[in-house]
N, C-alpha and C. Protein backbone atom coordinates (compact mmCIF):
# COMPACT_ATOMS: atom_id res chain seq x y z
N ALA A 1 -4.67 30.01 -16.19
CA ALA A 1 -5.64 30.55 -16.98
C ALA A 1 -6.83 29.63 -16.86
N ILE A 2 -8.02 30.38 -16.77
CA ILE A 2 -9.41 29.77 -17.36
C ILE A 2 -9.87 30.18 -18.59
N PRO A 3 -10.10 29.54 -19.64
CA PRO A 3 -10.71 29.62 -20.75
C PRO A 3 -12.22 30.32 -20.31
N GLY A 4 -12.12 31.91 -21.42
CA GLY A 4 -13.39 32.41 -21.26
C GLY A 4 -13.54 33.40 -19.94
N LEU A 5 -12.63 33.25 -19.28
CA LEU A 5 -12.77 34.13 -18.16
C LEU A 5 -12.41 35.71 -18.60
N GLU A 6 -13.28 36.70 -18.53
CA GLU A 6 -13.22 37.88 -18.91
C GLU A 6 -12.66 38.79 -17.98
N LEU A 7 -10.86 39.44 -18.13
CA LEU A 7 -10.42 40.17 -17.17
C LEU A 7 -10.50 41.60 -17.37
N ASN A 8 -11.34 41.99 -18.48
CA ASN A 8 -11.20 43.45 -19.07
C ASN A 8 -11.87 44.34 -17.84
N GLY A 9 -11.37 45.50 -17.33
CA GLY A 9 -11.99 46.32 -16.30
C GLY A 9 -11.58 45.61 -15.10
N LEU A 10 -11.08 44.47 -14.85
CA LEU A 10 -10.98 44.10 -13.53
C LEU A 10 -9.60 44.51 -12.93
N GLU A 11 -9.62 45.21 -11.58
CA GLU A 11 -8.69 45.92 -10.84
C GLU A 11 -8.01 45.08 -9.87
N TRP A 12 -6.81 45.10 -9.55
CA TRP A 12 -6.21 44.04 -8.40
C TRP A 12 -5.70 45.45 -7.45
N ASN A 13 -5.60 44.96 -6.31
CA ASN A 13 -4.58 45.99 -5.37
C ASN A 13 -4.28 45.10 -4.08
N SER A 14 -3.41 45.45 -3.45
CA SER A 14 -2.71 44.92 -2.50
C SER A 14 -2.41 45.76 -1.26
N TYR A 15 -2.15 45.35 -0.04
CA TYR A 15 -1.46 46.21 0.95
C TYR A 15 -0.62 45.48 1.80
N THR A 16 0.33 46.29 2.35
CA THR A 16 1.19 45.82 3.55
C THR A 16 0.50 45.77 4.79
N VAL A 17 0.95 44.74 5.70
CA VAL A 17 0.22 44.49 7.08
C VAL A 17 1.25 43.96 7.84
N ASP A 18 1.32 44.52 8.96
CA ASP A 18 2.29 43.80 9.97
C ASP A 18 1.94 42.46 10.68
N ARG A 19 2.60 41.61 10.51
CA ARG A 19 2.38 40.28 10.99
C ARG A 19 2.23 40.41 12.46
N ALA A 20 1.48 39.87 13.13
CA ALA A 20 1.07 39.28 14.54
C ALA A 20 1.86 38.21 14.78
N GLU A 21 2.79 37.99 15.07
CA GLU A 21 3.70 36.52 15.63
C GLU A 21 4.73 37.03 16.60
N GLY A 22 5.13 36.31 17.40
CA GLY A 22 5.92 35.82 18.56
C GLY A 22 7.18 36.45 17.77
N ALA A 23 7.90 37.37 18.85
CA ALA A 23 9.30 37.62 18.53
C ALA A 23 10.40 36.68 18.63
N THR A 24 11.46 36.64 17.79
CA THR A 24 12.68 35.83 18.05
C THR A 24 13.91 36.50 18.26
N LYS A 25 15.01 35.55 18.57
CA LYS A 25 16.07 36.51 18.99
C LYS A 25 16.61 36.77 17.39
N THR A 26 16.23 35.84 16.37
CA THR A 26 17.03 35.98 15.12
C THR A 26 16.15 36.96 14.27
N GLY A 27 14.93 37.17 14.49
CA GLY A 27 13.98 38.28 13.57
C GLY A 27 13.15 37.20 12.76
N HIS A 28 13.27 35.66 12.72
CA HIS A 28 13.01 34.98 11.72
C HIS A 28 11.37 34.69 12.42
N ARG A 29 10.66 34.21 11.63
CA ARG A 29 9.28 33.39 12.10
C ARG A 29 9.50 32.45 12.93
N PRO A 30 8.39 32.22 13.89
CA PRO A 30 8.79 31.14 14.85
C PRO A 30 8.72 29.84 14.48
N GLU A 31 9.15 28.91 15.05
CA GLU A 31 9.00 27.42 14.24
C GLU A 31 7.83 26.47 15.10
N THR A 32 7.43 27.16 16.28
CA THR A 32 6.27 26.52 16.91
C THR A 32 5.27 27.51 17.13
N PRO A 33 4.19 27.07 17.38
CA PRO A 33 2.94 28.09 18.03
C PRO A 33 3.66 28.49 19.21
N GLN A 34 2.87 29.84 19.53
CA GLN A 34 3.37 30.78 20.39
C GLN A 34 2.15 31.12 21.50
N ILE A 35 2.50 30.86 22.60
CA ILE A 35 1.41 31.22 23.69
C ILE A 35 2.36 32.25 24.69
N LEU A 36 1.47 33.20 24.94
CA LEU A 36 1.90 34.34 25.87
C LEU A 36 1.23 34.44 27.00
N GLN A 37 1.44 34.33 28.44
CA GLN A 37 0.11 34.72 29.51
C GLN A 37 0.70 35.54 29.92
N ALA A 38 -0.49 36.53 30.33
CA ALA A 38 -0.12 37.65 30.98
C ALA A 38 -1.41 37.57 32.07
N GLY A 39 -1.09 37.27 33.66
CA GLY A 39 -1.95 37.16 34.43
C GLY A 39 -2.87 35.87 34.04
N ASN A 40 -4.21 36.14 33.90
CA ASN A 40 -5.27 35.02 33.62
C ASN A 40 -5.58 35.24 32.24
N LEU A 41 -4.52 35.89 31.48
CA LEU A 41 -4.96 35.78 30.03
C LEU A 41 -3.83 35.04 28.91
N LEU A 42 -4.15 34.39 28.38
CA LEU A 42 -3.46 33.48 27.32
C LEU A 42 -3.70 34.02 26.06
N THR A 43 -2.60 34.63 25.33
CA THR A 43 -2.66 35.08 23.97
C THR A 43 -2.12 34.11 23.01
N ALA A 44 -2.50 33.60 22.00
CA ALA A 44 -2.36 32.35 21.23
C ALA A 44 -2.16 32.62 19.70
N TRP A 45 -1.33 32.03 19.11
CA TRP A 45 -1.38 31.90 17.57
C TRP A 45 -0.46 31.02 16.90
N PRO A 46 -0.76 30.39 16.08
CA PRO A 46 -0.14 28.97 15.65
C PRO A 46 1.09 29.49 14.40
N THR A 47 1.38 30.63 14.21
CA THR A 47 2.45 30.89 13.43
C THR A 47 1.87 30.82 11.89
N LYS A 48 1.43 29.44 11.57
CA LYS A 48 0.96 29.28 10.50
C LYS A 48 -0.08 28.23 10.71
N LEU A 49 -1.11 28.02 9.71
CA LEU A 49 -2.43 27.16 9.92
C LEU A 49 -1.85 25.74 10.08
N ALA A 50 -1.05 25.22 9.56
CA ALA A 50 -0.66 23.88 9.63
C ALA A 50 -0.24 23.41 11.30
N LEU A 51 -0.07 24.59 12.06
CA LEU A 51 0.29 24.30 13.43
C LEU A 51 -0.56 24.65 14.30
N ALA A 52 -1.91 24.89 13.77
CA ALA A 52 -3.01 24.90 14.61
C ALA A 52 -3.43 23.79 15.54
N PRO A 53 -3.48 22.59 14.95
CA PRO A 53 -3.66 21.55 15.98
C PRO A 53 -2.81 21.25 16.91
N GLN A 54 -1.44 21.67 16.90
CA GLN A 54 -0.76 21.63 17.78
C GLN A 54 -0.82 22.80 18.84
N LEU A 55 -1.20 23.84 18.41
CA LEU A 55 -1.59 24.74 19.33
C LEU A 55 -2.60 24.67 20.31
N ALA A 56 -3.90 23.79 19.56
CA ALA A 56 -5.02 23.68 20.40
C ALA A 56 -4.68 22.84 21.59
N GLU A 57 -3.65 21.81 21.33
CA GLU A 57 -2.92 21.06 22.28
C GLU A 57 -2.03 21.64 23.20
N ASP A 58 -1.57 22.53 22.95
CA ASP A 58 -0.80 23.15 23.58
C ASP A 58 -1.48 24.21 24.47
N VAL A 59 -2.65 24.80 24.32
CA VAL A 59 -3.58 25.46 24.86
C VAL A 59 -4.36 24.87 26.13
N CYS A 60 -4.60 23.51 25.61
CA CYS A 60 -5.40 22.77 26.49
C CYS A 60 -4.62 22.14 27.73
N GLU A 61 -3.47 21.66 27.13
CA GLU A 61 -2.22 21.63 28.22
C GLU A 61 -1.85 22.66 29.48
N ARG A 62 -2.04 23.87 28.72
CA ARG A 62 -1.61 24.78 29.49
C ARG A 62 -3.01 25.50 30.39
N LEU A 63 -4.02 25.04 29.93
CA LEU A 63 -5.40 25.23 30.70
C LEU A 63 -5.34 24.19 31.87
N SER A 64 -5.00 23.00 31.75
CA SER A 64 -4.88 21.79 32.74
C SER A 64 -4.00 22.46 33.90
N GLU A 65 -2.95 23.08 33.64
CA GLU A 65 -2.05 23.74 34.51
C GLU A 65 -2.60 24.81 35.58
N ILE A 66 -3.36 25.34 35.02
CA ILE A 66 -3.97 26.51 36.03
C ILE A 66 -5.67 26.16 36.26
N PRO A 67 -5.96 26.91 37.49
CA PRO A 67 -7.09 26.56 37.85
C PRO A 67 -8.45 27.21 37.16
N VAL A 68 -8.95 26.54 35.89
CA VAL A 68 -9.72 27.08 35.32
C VAL A 68 -11.16 26.28 35.71
N VAL A 69 -11.93 27.13 35.98
CA VAL A 69 -13.39 26.59 36.33
C VAL A 69 -14.34 26.61 35.18
N PRO A 70 -15.00 25.74 34.65
CA PRO A 70 -15.94 25.89 33.57
C PRO A 70 -16.89 26.56 34.27
N THR A 71 -17.74 27.61 33.39
CA THR A 71 -19.04 27.88 33.97
C THR A 71 -20.14 27.59 33.23
N SER A 72 -21.72 27.88 33.41
CA SER A 72 -22.54 27.26 32.45
C SER A 72 -22.22 28.15 31.19
N VAL A 73 -22.99 27.34 30.33
CA VAL A 73 -22.78 27.88 28.85
C VAL A 73 -24.28 28.08 28.08
N ASP A 74 -24.38 29.24 27.57
CA ASP A 74 -25.55 29.39 27.21
C ASP A 74 -25.57 28.50 25.81
N ASP A 75 -26.20 27.63 25.68
CA ASP A 75 -26.37 26.98 24.19
C ASP A 75 -27.61 26.69 23.62
N SER A 76 -28.47 28.06 23.99
CA SER A 76 -29.69 27.84 23.49
C SER A 76 -29.51 28.18 21.79
N TRP A 77 -28.43 28.64 21.34
CA TRP A 77 -28.43 28.51 19.84
C TRP A 77 -28.44 27.39 19.35
N LYS A 78 -28.23 26.08 19.94
CA LYS A 78 -28.37 24.75 19.43
C LYS A 78 -29.82 24.67 18.82
N SER A 79 -30.78 24.80 19.61
CA SER A 79 -32.35 24.98 19.17
C SER A 79 -32.45 25.59 17.84
N GLU A 80 -32.09 27.04 17.91
CA GLU A 80 -32.39 27.77 16.74
C GLU A 80 -31.55 27.27 15.73
N LEU A 81 -30.35 27.02 15.52
CA LEU A 81 -29.94 26.15 14.50
C LEU A 81 -30.51 25.24 13.94
N ALA A 82 -30.86 24.19 14.65
CA ALA A 82 -31.66 23.36 14.18
C ALA A 82 -32.79 23.29 13.31
N GLN A 83 -33.43 24.63 13.46
CA GLN A 83 -34.67 25.04 12.86
C GLN A 83 -34.31 25.59 11.41
N PHE A 84 -32.88 25.73 11.30
CA PHE A 84 -32.75 26.12 9.82
C PHE A 84 -32.82 24.94 8.81
N SER A 85 -33.49 25.11 7.59
CA SER A 85 -33.64 24.13 6.62
C SER A 85 -32.28 23.43 6.12
N ARG A 86 -32.00 22.38 5.44
CA ARG A 86 -30.92 21.70 5.50
C ARG A 86 -31.15 21.04 4.14
N PRO A 87 -30.01 21.27 3.09
CA PRO A 87 -30.51 20.80 1.91
C PRO A 87 -30.27 19.31 1.83
N GLN A 88 -30.76 18.89 0.54
CA GLN A 88 -30.59 17.30 0.44
C GLN A 88 -29.38 16.98 0.04
N VAL A 89 -28.59 15.89 0.56
CA VAL A 89 -27.25 15.59 -0.09
C VAL A 89 -27.74 13.96 -0.78
């Protein structure tokens, strides 16, 4: 409860969405981050955000196992970003 918050006229709604998670034999949510490989494509999701750091480690490990060659990266956005004003902290 927030004192003074006026809720008259406020409308709420919800919708059902299918979750994009790896399938398990039991039909439950996976306990670990999921990585699927199809050819040279990796599809990854952490199942829950608390597992995102583990997923990042797993993806890095998987990439070290396959011949991934970095290409040049367009980092011109860095100079454009530097031109934005920054608030005083």
